[in-house]
Amino acid sequence: ITDGTKINSNWVWVKDLMLTTPTVISGAWYREDGNALALILLNTDDKPHTVTLPFNAADYGLKGKLKIREWIAKEEATPRPKAKPIDASWSREITLAPMTSLAIEILSETKN
């Protein structure tokens, strides 16, 4: 998931190494029991970036009623957000503030 922009970084702690990566880096992790998924988005730039996040529960093996909760990384501790019902298929635009990350947890009420 990216908006197509890239950023150049010097990874000097390794050696003088210039790398080019997408400005928005993303990843996904399954919970061990297969009943939840976490999607992670990270804006590595000092400007906001907007990405489109499509989701289809069947693509991830999630079944039944689903709930979603989101965390935005902050310096202070973030309380656990309440999970809200969500459709099994959706697409939405997400604008990430500069140098921030967003974690989206999708939970299935149906046990695999």
PDB file of N, CA and C in Angstrom:
ATOM      1  N   ILE A   1       0.863  -1.167   0.000  1.00  0.00           N
ATOM      2  CA  ILE A   1       0.000   0.000   0.000  1.00  0.00           C
ATOM      3  C   ILE A   1       0.903   1.221   0.000  1.00  0.00           C
ATOM      4  N   THR A   2       0.830   1.998  -1.042  1.00  0.00           N
ATOM      5  CA  THR A   2       1.662   3.184  -1.150  1.00  0.00           C
ATOM      6  C   THR A   2       0.965   4.212  -2.030  1.00  0.00           C
ATOM      7  N   ASP A   3       1.394   5.447  -1.949  1.00  0.00           N
ATOM      8  CA  ASP A   3       0.858   6.486  -2.827  1.00  0.00           C
ATOM      9  C   ASP A   3       1.762   6.706  -4.033  1.00  0.00           C
ATOM     10  N   GLY A   4       2.790   5.874  -4.173  1.00  0.00           N
ATOM     11  CA  GLY A   4       3.688   5.954  -5.314  1.00  0.00           C
ATOM     12  C   GLY A   4       4.904   6.839  -5.115  1.00  0.00           C
ATOM     13  N   THR A   5       4.945   7.587  -4.010  1.00  0.00           N
ATOM     14  CA  THR A   5       6.104   8.450  -3.766  1.00  0.00           C
ATOM     15  C   THR A   5       7.215   7.663  -3.081  1.00  0.00           C
ATOM     16  N   LYS A   6       8.434   8.157  -3.216  1.00  0.00           N
ATOM     17  CA  LYS A   6       9.598   7.498  -2.611  1.00  0.00           C
ATOM     18  C   LYS A   6      10.411   8.516  -1.834  1.00  0.00           C
ATOM     19  N   ILE A   7      11.224   8.013  -0.922  1.00  0.00           N
ATOM     20  CA  ILE A   7      12.086   8.863  -0.116  1.00  0.00           C
ATOM     21  C   ILE A   7      13.495   8.267  -0.123  1.00  0.00           C
ATOM     22  N   ASN A   8      14.493   9.134  -0.148  1.00  0.00           N
ATOM     23  CA  ASN A   8      15.893   8.702  -0.072  1.00  0.00           C
ATOM     24  C   ASN A   8      16.396   8.909   1.343  1.00  0.00           C
ATOM     25  N   SER A   9      17.070   7.911   1.884  1.00  0.00           N
ATOM     26  CA  SER A   9      17.583   7.979   3.253  1.00  0.00           C
ATOM     27  C   SER A   9      19.018   7.491   3.284  1.00  0.00           C
ATOM     28  N   ASN A  10      19.818   8.094   4.147  1.00  0.00           N
ATOM     29  CA  ASN A  10      21.186   7.648   4.349  1.00  0.00           C
ATOM     30  C   ASN A  10      21.238   6.845   5.639  1.00  0.00           C
ATOM     31  N   TRP A  11      21.452   5.548   5.523  1.00  0.00           N
ATOM     32  CA  TRP A  11      21.505   4.663   6.679  1.00  0.00           C
ATOM     33  C   TRP A  11      22.931   4.643   7.224  1.00  0.00           C
ATOM     34  N   VAL A  12      23.353   5.764   7.790  1.00  0.00           N
ATOM     35  CA  VAL A  12      24.746   5.921   8.203  1.00  0.00           C
ATOM     36  C   VAL A  12      25.142   4.998   9.353  1.00  0.00           C
ATOM     37  N   TRP A  13      24.192   4.484  10.121  1.00  0.00           N
ATOM     38  CA  TRP A  13      24.586   3.608  11.223  1.00  0.00           C
ATOM     39  C   TRP A  13      25.104   2.269  10.707  1.00  0.00           C
ATOM     40  N   VAL A  14      24.822   1.922   9.466  1.00  0.00           N
ATOM     41  CA  VAL A  14      25.372   0.709   8.857  1.00  0.00           C
ATOM     42  C   VAL A  14      26.683   1.060   8.186  1.00  0.00           C
ATOM     43  N   LYS A  15      26.646   2.007   7.301  1.00  0.00           N
ATOM     44  CA  LYS A  15      27.767   2.638   6.622  1.00  0.00           C
ATOM     45  C   LYS A  15      27.154   3.742   5.783  1.00  0.00           C
ATOM     46  N   ASP A  16      27.920   4.426   5.015  1.00  0.00           N
ATOM     47  CA  ASP A  16      27.356   5.477   4.183  1.00  0.00           C
ATOM     48  C   ASP A  16      26.555   4.820   3.066  1.00  0.00           C
ATOM     49  N   LEU A  17      25.290   4.523   3.343  1.00  0.00           N
ATOM     50  CA  LEU A  17      24.460   3.735   2.454  1.00  0.00           C
ATOM     51  C   LEU A  17      23.168   4.480   2.148  1.00  0.00           C
ATOM     52  N   MET A  18      22.991   4.921   0.910  1.00  0.00           N
ATOM     53  CA  MET A  18      21.767   5.599   0.508  1.00  0.00           C
ATOM     54  C   MET A  18      20.748   4.573   0.042  1.00  0.00           C
ATOM     55  N   LEU A  19      19.538   4.653   0.574  1.00  0.00           N
ATOM     56  CA  LEU A  19      18.447   3.753   0.192  1.00  0.00           C
ATOM     57  C   LEU A  19      17.258   4.567  -0.284  1.00  0.00           C
ATOM     58  N   THR A  20      16.531   4.021  -1.235  1.00  0.00           N
ATOM     59  CA  THR A  20      15.276   4.613  -1.695  1.00  0.00           C
ATOM     60  C   THR A  20      14.164   3.639  -1.354  1.00  0.00           C
ATOM     61  N   THR A  21      13.168   4.118  -0.617  1.00  0.00           N
ATOM     62  CA  THR A  21      12.033   3.286  -0.211  1.00  0.00           C
ATOM     63  C   THR A  21      10.744   4.070  -0.441  1.00  0.00           C
ATOM     64  N   PRO A  22       9.608   3.374  -0.457  1.00  0.00           N
ATOM     65  CA  PRO A  22       8.335   4.106  -0.508  1.00  0.00           C
ATOM     66  C   PRO A  22       8.205   5.000   0.731  1.00  0.00           C
ATOM     67  N   THR A  23       7.546   6.136   0.581  1.00  0.00           N
ATOM     68  CA  THR A  23       7.342   7.009   1.745  1.00  0.00           C
ATOM     69  C   THR A  23       6.382   6.375   2.743  1.00  0.00           C
ATOM     70  N   VAL A  24       5.403   5.631   2.237  1.00  0.00           N
ATOM     71  CA  VAL A  24       4.483   4.915   3.121  1.00  0.00           C
ATOM     72  C   VAL A  24       4.850   3.435   3.053  1.00  0.00           C
ATOM     73  N   ILE A  25       5.256   2.915   4.181  1.00  0.00           N
ATOM     74  CA  ILE A  25       5.628   1.506   4.291  1.00  0.00           C
ATOM     75  C   ILE A  25       4.474   0.784   4.982  1.00  0.00           C
ATOM     76  N   SER A  26       4.149  -0.420   4.503  1.00  0.00           N
ATOM     77  CA  SER A  26       3.026  -1.145   5.091  1.00  0.00           C
ATOM     78  C   SER A  26       3.390  -2.600   5.333  1.00  0.00           C
ATOM     79  N   GLY A  27       2.640  -3.220   6.227  1.00  0.00           N
ATOM     80  CA  GLY A  27       2.828  -4.634   6.524  1.00  0.00           C
ATOM     81  C   GLY A  27       1.550  -5.203   7.109  1.00  0.00           C
ATOM     82  N   ALA A  28       1.480  -6.528   7.149  1.00  0.00           N
ATOM     83  CA  ALA A  28       0.311  -7.199   7.721  1.00  0.00           C
ATOM     84  C   ALA A  28       0.779  -8.398   8.527  1.00  0.00           C
ATOM     85  N   TRP A  29       0.132  -8.650   9.654  1.00  0.00           N
ATOM     86  CA  TRP A  29       0.449  -9.778  10.518  1.00  0.00           C
ATOM     87  C   TRP A  29      -0.831 -10.474  10.945  1.00  0.00           C
ATOM     88  N   TYR A  30      -0.806 -11.791  10.931  1.00  0.00           N
ATOM     89  CA  TYR A  30      -1.925 -12.595  11.426  1.00  0.00           C
ATOM     90  C   TYR A  30      -1.689 -12.952  12.881  1.00  0.00           C
ATOM     91  N   ARG A  31      -2.770 -12.994  13.648  1.00  0.00           N
ATOM     92  CA  ARG A  31      -2.678 -13.545  14.991  1.00  0.00           C
ATOM     93  C   ARG A  31      -2.540 -15.056  14.836  1.00  0.00           C
ATOM     94  N   GLU A  32      -1.843 -15.694  15.734  1.00  0.00           N
ATOM     95  CA  GLU A  32      -1.525 -17.121  15.634  1.00  0.00           C
ATOM     96  C   GLU A  32      -2.759 -17.996  15.424  1.00  0.00           C
ATOM     97  N   ASP A  33      -3.890 -17.646  16.050  1.00  0.00           N
ATOM     98  CA  ASP A  33      -5.088 -18.471  15.902  1.00  0.00           C
ATOM     99  C   ASP A  33      -5.856 -18.179  14.601  1.00  0.00           C
ATOM    100  N   GLY A  34      -5.389 -17.223  13.803  1.00  0.00           N
ATOM    101  CA  GLY A  34      -6.011 -16.926  12.521  1.00  0.00           C
ATOM    102  C   GLY A  34      -7.292 -16.120  12.603  1.00  0.00           C
ATOM    103  N   ASN A  35      -7.642 -15.620  13.780  1.00  0.00           N
ATOM    104  CA  ASN A  35      -8.899 -14.895  13.952  1.00  0.00           C
ATOM    105  C   ASN A  35      -8.727 -13.381  14.014  1.00  0.00           C
ATOM    106  N   ALA A  36      -7.538 -12.899  13.689  1.00  0.00           N
ATOM    107  CA  ALA A  36      -7.309 -11.451  13.687  1.00  0.00           C
ATOM    108  C   ALA A  36      -6.151 -11.134  12.755  1.00  0.00           C
ATOM    109  N   LEU A  37      -6.170  -9.916  12.278  1.00  0.00           N
ATOM    110  CA  LEU A  37      -5.161  -9.422  11.364  1.00  0.00           C
ATOM    111  C   LEU A  37      -4.800  -8.014  11.790  1.00  0.00           C
ATOM    112  N   ALA A  38      -3.533  -7.668  11.727  1.00  0.00           N
ATOM    113  CA  ALA A  38      -3.090  -6.296  11.975  1.00  0.00           C
ATOM    114  C   ALA A  38      -2.473  -5.748  10.703  1.00  0.00           C
ATOM    115  N   LEU A  39      -2.936  -4.593  10.285  1.00  0.00           N
ATOM    116  CA  LEU A  39      -2.367  -3.882   9.155  1.00  0.00           C
ATOM    117  C   LEU A  39      -1.628  -2.673   9.702  1.00  0.00           C
ATOM    118  N   ILE A  40      -0.399  -2.494   9.287  1.00  0.00           N
ATOM    119  CA  ILE A  40       0.441  -1.411   9.794  1.00  0.00           C
ATOM    120  C   ILE A  40       0.790  -0.482   8.633  1.00  0.00           C
ATOM    121  N   LEU A  41       0.610   0.817   8.829  1.00  0.00           N
ATOM    122  CA  LEU A  41       0.999   1.829   7.849  1.00  0.00           C
ATOM    123  C   LEU A  41       1.927   2.819   8.538  1.00  0.00           C
ATOM    124  N   LEU A  42       3.026   3.166   7.884  1.00  0.00           N
ATOM    125  CA  LEU A  42       4.012   4.076   8.460  1.00  0.00           C
ATOM    126  C   LEU A  42       4.391   5.120   7.423  1.00  0.00           C
ATOM    127  N   ASN A  43       4.189   6.395   7.748  1.00  0.00           N
ATOM    128  CA  ASN A  43       4.624   7.493   6.886  1.00  0.00           C
ATOM    129  C   ASN A  43       6.021   7.911   7.331  1.00  0.00           C
ATOM    130  N   THR A  44       7.019   7.713   6.474  1.00  0.00           N
ATOM    131  CA  THR A  44       8.408   8.014   6.818  1.00  0.00           C
ATOM    132  C   THR A  44       8.826   9.408   6.384  1.00  0.00           C
ATOM    133  N   ASP A  45       7.904  10.190   5.852  1.00  0.00           N
ATOM    134  CA  ASP A  45       8.206  11.506   5.299  1.00  0.00           C
ATOM    135  C   ASP A  45       7.813  12.605   6.275  1.00  0.00           C
ATOM    136  N   ASP A  46       8.329  13.819   6.024  1.00  0.00           N
ATOM    137  CA  ASP A  46       7.950  14.961   6.856  1.00  0.00           C
ATOM    138  C   ASP A  46       6.761  15.720   6.260  1.00  0.00           C
ATOM    139  N   LYS A  47       6.057  15.077   5.325  1.00  0.00           N
ATOM    140  CA  LYS A  47       4.823  15.623   4.738  1.00  0.00           C
ATOM    141  C   LYS A  47       3.720  14.575   4.877  1.00  0.00           C
ATOM    142  N   PRO A  48       2.455  14.998   4.936  1.00  0.00           N
ATOM    143  CA  PRO A  48       1.372  14.012   4.980  1.00  0.00           C
ATOM    144  C   PRO A  48       1.261  13.270   3.650  1.00  0.00           C
ATOM    145  N   HIS A  49       0.798  12.032   3.714  1.00  0.00           N
ATOM    146  CA  HIS A  49       0.566  11.224   2.515  1.00  0.00           C
ATOM    147  C   HIS A  49      -0.762  10.491   2.664  1.00  0.00           C
ATOM    148  N   THR A  50      -1.495  10.379   1.540  1.00  0.00           N
ATOM    149  CA  THR A  50      -2.776   9.695   1.518  1.00  0.00           C
ATOM    150  C   THR A  50      -2.664   8.433   0.680  1.00  0.00           C
ATOM    151  N   VAL A  51      -3.146   7.327   1.234  1.00  0.00           N
ATOM    152  CA  VAL A  51      -3.152   6.048   0.530  1.00  0.00           C
ATOM    153  C   VAL A  51      -4.572   5.499   0.526  1.00  0.00           C
ATOM    154  N   THR A  52      -4.839   4.623  -0.436  1.00  0.00           N
ATOM    155  CA  THR A  52      -6.120   3.925  -0.485  1.00  0.00           C
ATOM    156  C   THR A  52      -5.911   2.523   0.048  1.00  0.00           C
ATOM    157  N   LEU A  53      -6.703   2.146   1.029  1.00  0.00           N
ATOM    158  CA  LEU A  53      -6.597   0.835   1.651  1.00  0.00           C
ATOM    159  C   LEU A  53      -7.823   0.006   1.291  1.00  0.00           C
ATOM    160  N   PRO A  54      -7.661  -0.956   0.352  1.00  0.00           N
ATOM    161  CA  PRO A  54      -8.770  -1.867   0.065  1.00  0.00           C
ATOM    162  C   PRO A  54      -8.703  -3.051   1.027  1.00  0.00           C
ATOM    163  N   PHE A  55      -9.855  -3.599   1.386  1.00  0.00           N
ATOM    164  CA  PHE A  55      -9.870  -4.750   2.293  1.00  0.00           C
ATOM    165  C   PHE A  55     -10.998  -5.688   1.903  1.00  0.00           C
ATOM    166  N   ASN A  56     -10.677  -6.970   1.862  1.00  0.00           N
ATOM    167  CA  ASN A  56     -11.667  -8.022   1.650  1.00  0.00           C
ATOM    168  C   ASN A  56     -11.310  -9.151   2.614  1.00  0.00           C
ATOM    169  N   ALA A  57     -12.165  -9.392   3.592  1.00  0.00           N
ATOM    170  CA  ALA A  57     -11.883 -10.375   4.643  1.00  0.00           C
ATOM    171  C   ALA A  57     -11.539 -11.750   4.074  1.00  0.00           C
ATOM    172  N   ALA A  58     -12.201 -12.154   3.002  1.00  0.00           N
ATOM    173  CA  ALA A  58     -11.952 -13.478   2.412  1.00  0.00           C
ATOM    174  C   ALA A  58     -10.504 -13.610   1.934  1.00  0.00           C
ATOM    175  N   ASP A  59      -9.900 -12.511   1.484  1.00  0.00           N
ATOM    176  CA  ASP A  59      -8.498 -12.549   1.049  1.00  0.00           C
ATOM    177  C   ASP A  59      -7.559 -12.924   2.186  1.00  0.00           C
ATOM    178  N   TYR A  60      -7.981 -12.679   3.421  1.00  0.00           N
ATOM    179  CA  TYR A  60      -7.151 -12.950   4.596  1.00  0.00           C
ATOM    180  C   TYR A  60      -7.654 -14.144   5.402  1.00  0.00           C
ATOM    181  N   GLY A  61      -8.685 -14.807   4.909  1.00  0.00           N
ATOM    182  CA  GLY A  61      -9.213 -15.974   5.605  1.00  0.00           C
ATOM    183  C   GLY A  61     -10.050 -15.640   6.824  1.00  0.00           C
ATOM    184  N   LEU A  62     -10.477 -14.386   6.961  1.00  0.00           N
ATOM    185  CA  LEU A  62     -11.321 -13.990   8.092  1.00  0.00           C
ATOM    186  C   LEU A  62     -12.782 -14.226   7.723  1.00  0.00           C
ATOM    187  N   LYS A  63     -13.544 -14.792   8.676  1.00  0.00           N
ATOM    188  CA  LYS A  63     -14.941 -15.152   8.421  1.00  0.00           C
ATOM    189  C   LYS A  63     -15.845 -14.564   9.487  1.00  0.00           C
ATOM    190  N   GLY A  64     -17.140 -14.539   9.171  1.00  0.00           N
ATOM    191  CA  GLY A  64     -18.140 -14.130  10.148  1.00  0.00           C
ATOM    192  C   GLY A  64     -18.159 -12.635  10.389  1.00  0.00           C
ATOM    193  N   LYS A  65     -18.736 -12.247  11.531  1.00  0.00           N
ATOM    194  CA  LYS A  65     -18.824 -10.843  11.902  1.00  0.00           C
ATOM    195  C   LYS A  65     -17.433 -10.326  12.255  1.00  0.00           C
ATOM    196  N   LEU A  66     -17.138  -9.123  11.776  1.00  0.00           N
ATOM    197  CA  LEU A  66     -15.823  -8.534  11.994  1.00  0.00           C
ATOM    198  C   LEU A  66     -15.927  -7.256  12.804  1.00  0.00           C
ATOM    199  N   LYS A  67     -14.868  -6.978  13.541  1.00  0.00           N
ATOM    200  CA  LYS A  67     -14.736  -5.719  14.274  1.00  0.00           C
ATOM    201  C   LYS A  67     -13.376  -5.124  13.944  1.00  0.00           C
ATOM    202  N   ILE A  68     -13.269  -3.808  14.075  1.00  0.00           N
ATOM    203  CA  ILE A  68     -12.035  -3.103  13.772  1.00  0.00           C
ATOM    204  C   ILE A  68     -11.696  -2.148  14.904  1.00  0.00           C
ATOM    205  N   ARG A  69     -10.406  -1.991  15.154  1.00  0.00           N
ATOM    206  CA  ARG A  69      -9.936  -0.931  16.053  1.00  0.00           C
ATOM    207  C   ARG A  69      -8.635  -0.391  15.488  1.00  0.00           C
ATOM    208  N   GLU A  70      -8.373   0.885  15.754  1.00  0.00           N
ATOM    209  CA  GLU A  70      -7.211   1.550  15.177  1.00  0.00           C
ATOM    210  C   GLU A  70      -6.414   2.276  16.247  1.00  0.00           C
ATOM    211  N   TRP A  71      -5.102   2.202  16.099  1.00  0.00           N
ATOM    212  CA  TRP A  71      -4.187   2.925  16.968  1.00  0.00           C
ATOM    213  C   TRP A  71      -3.334   3.849  16.117  1.00  0.00           C
ATOM    214  N   ILE A  72      -3.192   5.092  16.538  1.00  0.00           N
ATOM    215  CA  ILE A  72      -2.233   6.015  15.938  1.00  0.00           C
ATOM    216  C   ILE A  72      -1.117   6.172  16.955  1.00  0.00           C
ATOM    217  N   ALA A  73       0.123   5.944  16.502  1.00  0.00           N
ATOM    218  CA  ALA A  73       1.266   6.020  17.422  1.00  0.00           C
ATOM    219  C   ALA A  73       1.426   7.456  17.934  1.00  0.00           C
ATOM    220  N   LYS A  74       1.618   7.562  19.240  1.00  0.00           N
ATOM    221  CA  LYS A  74       1.835   8.853  19.890  1.00  0.00           C
ATOM    222  C   LYS A  74       2.959   8.689  20.894  1.00  0.00           C
ATOM    223  N   GLU A  75       3.505   9.811  21.315  1.00  0.00           N
ATOM    224  CA  GLU A  75       4.572   9.772  22.326  1.00  0.00           C
ATOM    225  C   GLU A  75       4.050   9.199  23.649  1.00  0.00           C
ATOM    226  N   GLU A  76       2.841   9.596  24.040  1.00  0.00           N
ATOM    227  CA  GLU A  76       2.273   9.127  25.297  1.00  0.00           C
ATOM    228  C   GLU A  76       1.563   7.793  25.068  1.00  0.00           C
ATOM    229  N   ALA A  77       1.275   7.108  26.133  1.00  0.00           N
ATOM    230  CA  ALA A  77       0.579   5.824  26.040  1.00  0.00           C
ATOM    231  C   ALA A  77      -0.805   6.038  25.422  1.00  0.00           C
ATOM    232  N   THR A  78      -1.193   5.128  24.546  1.00  0.00           N
ATOM    233  CA  THR A  78      -2.496   5.213  23.890  1.00  0.00           C
ATOM    234  C   THR A  78      -3.417   4.168  24.501  1.00  0.00           C
ATOM    235  N   PRO A  79      -4.574   4.589  25.033  1.00  0.00           N
ATOM    236  CA  PRO A  79      -5.500   3.596  25.579  1.00  0.00           C
ATOM    237  C   PRO A  79      -6.003   2.665  24.480  1.00  0.00           C
ATOM    238  N   ARG A  80      -6.357   1.463  24.866  1.00  0.00           N
ATOM    239  CA  ARG A  80      -6.859   0.479  23.899  1.00  0.00           C
ATOM    240  C   ARG A  80      -8.198   0.962  23.351  1.00  0.00           C
ATOM    241  N   PRO A  81      -8.267   1.204  22.031  1.00  0.00           N
ATOM    242  CA  PRO A  81      -9.538   1.674  21.468  1.00  0.00           C
ATOM    243  C   PRO A  81     -10.596   0.580  21.449  1.00  0.00           C
ATOM    244  N   LYS A  82     -11.845   0.998  21.482  1.00  0.00           N
ATOM    245  CA  LYS A  82     -12.956   0.052  21.441  1.00  0.00           C
ATOM    246  C   LYS A  82     -13.117  -0.467  20.013  1.00  0.00           C
ATOM    247  N   ALA A  83     -13.322  -1.770  19.872  1.00  0.00           N
ATOM    248  CA  ALA A  83     -13.555  -2.383  18.562  1.00  0.00           C
ATOM    249  C   ALA A  83     -14.979  -2.068  18.106  1.00  0.00           C
ATOM    250  N   LYS A  84     -15.102  -1.728  16.819  1.00  0.00           N
ATOM    251  CA  LYS A  84     -16.399  -1.390  16.235  1.00  0.00           C
ATOM    252  C   LYS A  84     -16.709  -2.354  15.096  1.00  0.00           C
ATOM    253  N   PRO A  85     -17.984  -2.645  14.866  1.00  0.00           N
ATOM    254  CA  PRO A  85     -18.343  -3.522  13.737  1.00  0.00           C
ATOM    255  C   PRO A  85     -17.898  -2.930  12.405  1.00  0.00           C
ATOM    256  N   ILE A  86     -17.531  -3.804  11.476  1.00  0.00           N
ATOM    257  CA  ILE A  86     -17.079  -3.374  10.146  1.00  0.00           C
ATOM    258  C   ILE A  86     -17.544  -4.385   9.107  1.00  0.00           C
ATOM    259  N   ASP A  87     -17.781  -3.918   7.884  1.00  0.00           N
ATOM    260  CA  ASP A  87     -18.159  -4.803   6.786  1.00  0.00           C
ATOM    261  C   ASP A  87     -16.983  -5.697   6.399  1.00  0.00           C
ATOM    262  N   ALA A  88     -17.284  -6.798   5.747  1.00  0.00           N
ATOM    263  CA  ALA A  88     -16.248  -7.750   5.330  1.00  0.00           C
ATOM    264  C   ALA A  88     -15.450  -7.257   4.131  1.00  0.00           C
ATOM    265  N   SER A  89     -15.973  -6.288   3.401  1.00  0.00           N
ATOM    266  CA  SER A  89     -15.267  -5.748   2.236  1.00  0.00           C
ATOM    267  C   SER A  89     -15.446  -4.235   2.218  1.00  0.00           C
ATOM    268  N   TRP A  90     -14.340  -3.501   2.050  1.00  0.00           N
ATOM    269  CA  TRP A  90     -14.400  -2.045   2.025  1.00  0.00           C
ATOM    270  C   TRP A  90     -13.117  -1.481   1.420  1.00  0.00           C
ATOM    271  N   SER A  91     -13.159  -0.204   1.138  1.00  0.00           N
ATOM    272  CA  SER A  91     -11.990   0.528   0.671  1.00  0.00           C
ATOM    273  C   SER A  91     -12.097   1.930   1.238  1.00  0.00           C
ATOM    274  N   ARG A  92     -10.990   2.472   1.705  1.00  0.00           N
ATOM    275  CA  ARG A  92     -11.036   3.828   2.244  1.00  0.00           C
ATOM    276  C   ARG A  92      -9.704   4.533   2.056  1.00  0.00           C
ATOM    277  N   GLU A  93      -9.772   5.840   1.985  1.00  0.00           N
ATOM    278  CA  GLU A  93      -8.565   6.649   1.912  1.00  0.00           C
ATOM    279  C   GLU A  93      -8.125   6.992   3.327  1.00  0.00           C
ATOM    280  N   ILE A  94      -6.825   6.900   3.547  1.00  0.00           N
ATOM    281  CA  ILE A  94      -6.256   7.207   4.861  1.00  0.00           C
ATOM    282  C   ILE A  94      -5.147   8.221   4.649  1.00  0.00           C
ATOM    283  N   THR A  95      -5.225   9.345   5.351  1.00  0.00           N
ATOM    284  CA  THR A  95      -4.157  10.332   5.307  1.00  0.00           C
ATOM    285  C   THR A  95      -3.327  10.177   6.572  1.00  0.00           C
ATOM    286  N   LEU A  96      -2.054   9.903   6.362  1.00  0.00           N
ATOM    287  CA  LEU A  96      -1.118   9.743   7.475  1.00  0.00           C
ATOM    288  C   LEU A  96      -0.361  11.045   7.672  1.00  0.00           C
ATOM    289  N   ALA A  97      -0.371  11.557   8.888  1.00  0.00           N
ATOM    290  CA  ALA A  97       0.385  12.755   9.214  1.00  0.00           C
ATOM    291  C   ALA A  97       1.884  12.459   9.062  1.00  0.00           C
ATOM    292  N   PRO A  98       2.719  13.495   8.969  1.00  0.00           N
ATOM    293  CA  PRO A  98       4.153  13.272   8.842  1.00  0.00           C
ATOM    294  C   PRO A  98       4.716  12.426   9.989  1.00  0.00           C
ATOM    295  N   MET A  99       5.577  11.484   9.636  1.00  0.00           N
ATOM    296  CA  MET A  99       6.323  10.675  10.603  1.00  0.00           C
ATOM    297  C   MET A  99       5.418   9.980  11.616  1.00  0.00           C
ATOM    298  N   THR A 100       4.296   9.434  11.158  1.00  0.00           N
ATOM    299  CA  THR A 100       3.383   8.725  12.059  1.00  0.00           C
ATOM    300  C   THR A 100       3.098   7.320  11.550  1.00  0.00           C
ATOM    301  N   SER A 101       2.588   6.515  12.442  1.00  0.00           N
ATOM    302  CA  SER A 101       2.174   5.167  12.061  1.00  0.00           C
ATOM    303  C   SER A 101       0.744   4.928  12.525  1.00  0.00           C
ATOM    304  N   LEU A 102       0.105   3.988  11.842  1.00  0.00           N
ATOM    305  CA  LEU A 102      -1.262   3.611  12.147  1.00  0.00           C
ATOM    306  C   LEU A 102      -1.334   2.094  12.156  1.00  0.00           C
ATOM    307  N   ALA A 103      -1.905   1.530  13.205  1.00  0.00           N
ATOM    308  CA  ALA A 103      -2.146   0.086  13.279  1.00  0.00           C
ATOM    309  C   ALA A 103      -3.647  -0.135  13.226  1.00  0.00           C
ATOM    310  N   ILE A 104      -4.069  -1.023  12.342  1.00  0.00           N
ATOM    311  CA  ILE A 104      -5.484  -1.365  12.205  1.00  0.00           C
ATOM    312  C   ILE A 104      -5.619  -2.848  12.527  1.00  0.00           C
ATOM    313  N   GLU A 105      -6.388  -3.155  13.561  1.00  0.00           N
ATOM    314  CA  GLU A 105      -6.613  -4.542  13.954  1.00  0.00           C
ATOM    315  C   GLU A 105      -8.020  -4.938  13.527  1.00  0.00           C
ATOM    316  N   ILE A 106      -8.129  -6.034  12.780  1.00  0.00           N
ATOM    317  CA  ILE A 106      -9.420  -6.550  12.348  1.00  0.00           C
ATOM    318  C   ILE A 106      -9.619  -7.903  13.005  1.00  0.00           C
ATOM    319  N   LEU A 107     -10.705  -8.010  13.763  1.00  0.00           N
ATOM    320  CA  LEU A 107     -10.982  -9.194  14.576  1.00  0.00           C
ATOM    321  C   LEU A 107     -12.188  -9.948  14.031  1.00  0.00           C
ATOM    322  N   SER A 108     -12.096 -11.267  13.978  1.00  0.00           N
ATOM    323  CA  SER A 108     -13.217 -12.101  13.567  1.00  0.00           C
ATOM    324  C   SER A 108     -13.856 -12.710  14.809  1.00  0.00           C
ATOM    325  N   GLU A 109     -15.200 -12.681  14.874  1.00  0.00           N
ATOM    326  CA  GLU A 109     -15.889 -13.319  15.987  1.00  0.00           C
ATOM    327  C   GLU A 109     -16.082 -14.798  15.757  1.00  0.00           C
ATOM    328  N   THR A 110     -15.775 -15.258  14.517  1.00  0.00           N
ATOM    329  CA  THR A 110     -15.885 -16.682  14.170  1.00  0.00           C
ATOM    330  C   THR A 110     -14.535 -17.340  14.375  1.00  0.00           C
ATOM    331  N   LYS A 111     -14.510 -18.400  15.154  1.00  0.00           N
ATOM    332  CA  LYS A 111     -13.261 -19.109  15.414  1.00  0.00           C
ATOM    333  C   LYS A 111     -12.913 -20.012  14.260  1.00  0.00           C
ATOM    334  N   ASN A 112     -11.662 -19.956  13.816  1.00  0.00           N
ATOM    335  CA  ASN A 112     -11.176 -20.850  12.738  1.00  0.00           C
ATOM    336  C   ASN A 112     -10.824 -22.212  13.265  1.00  0.00           C
TER     337      ASN A 112
END
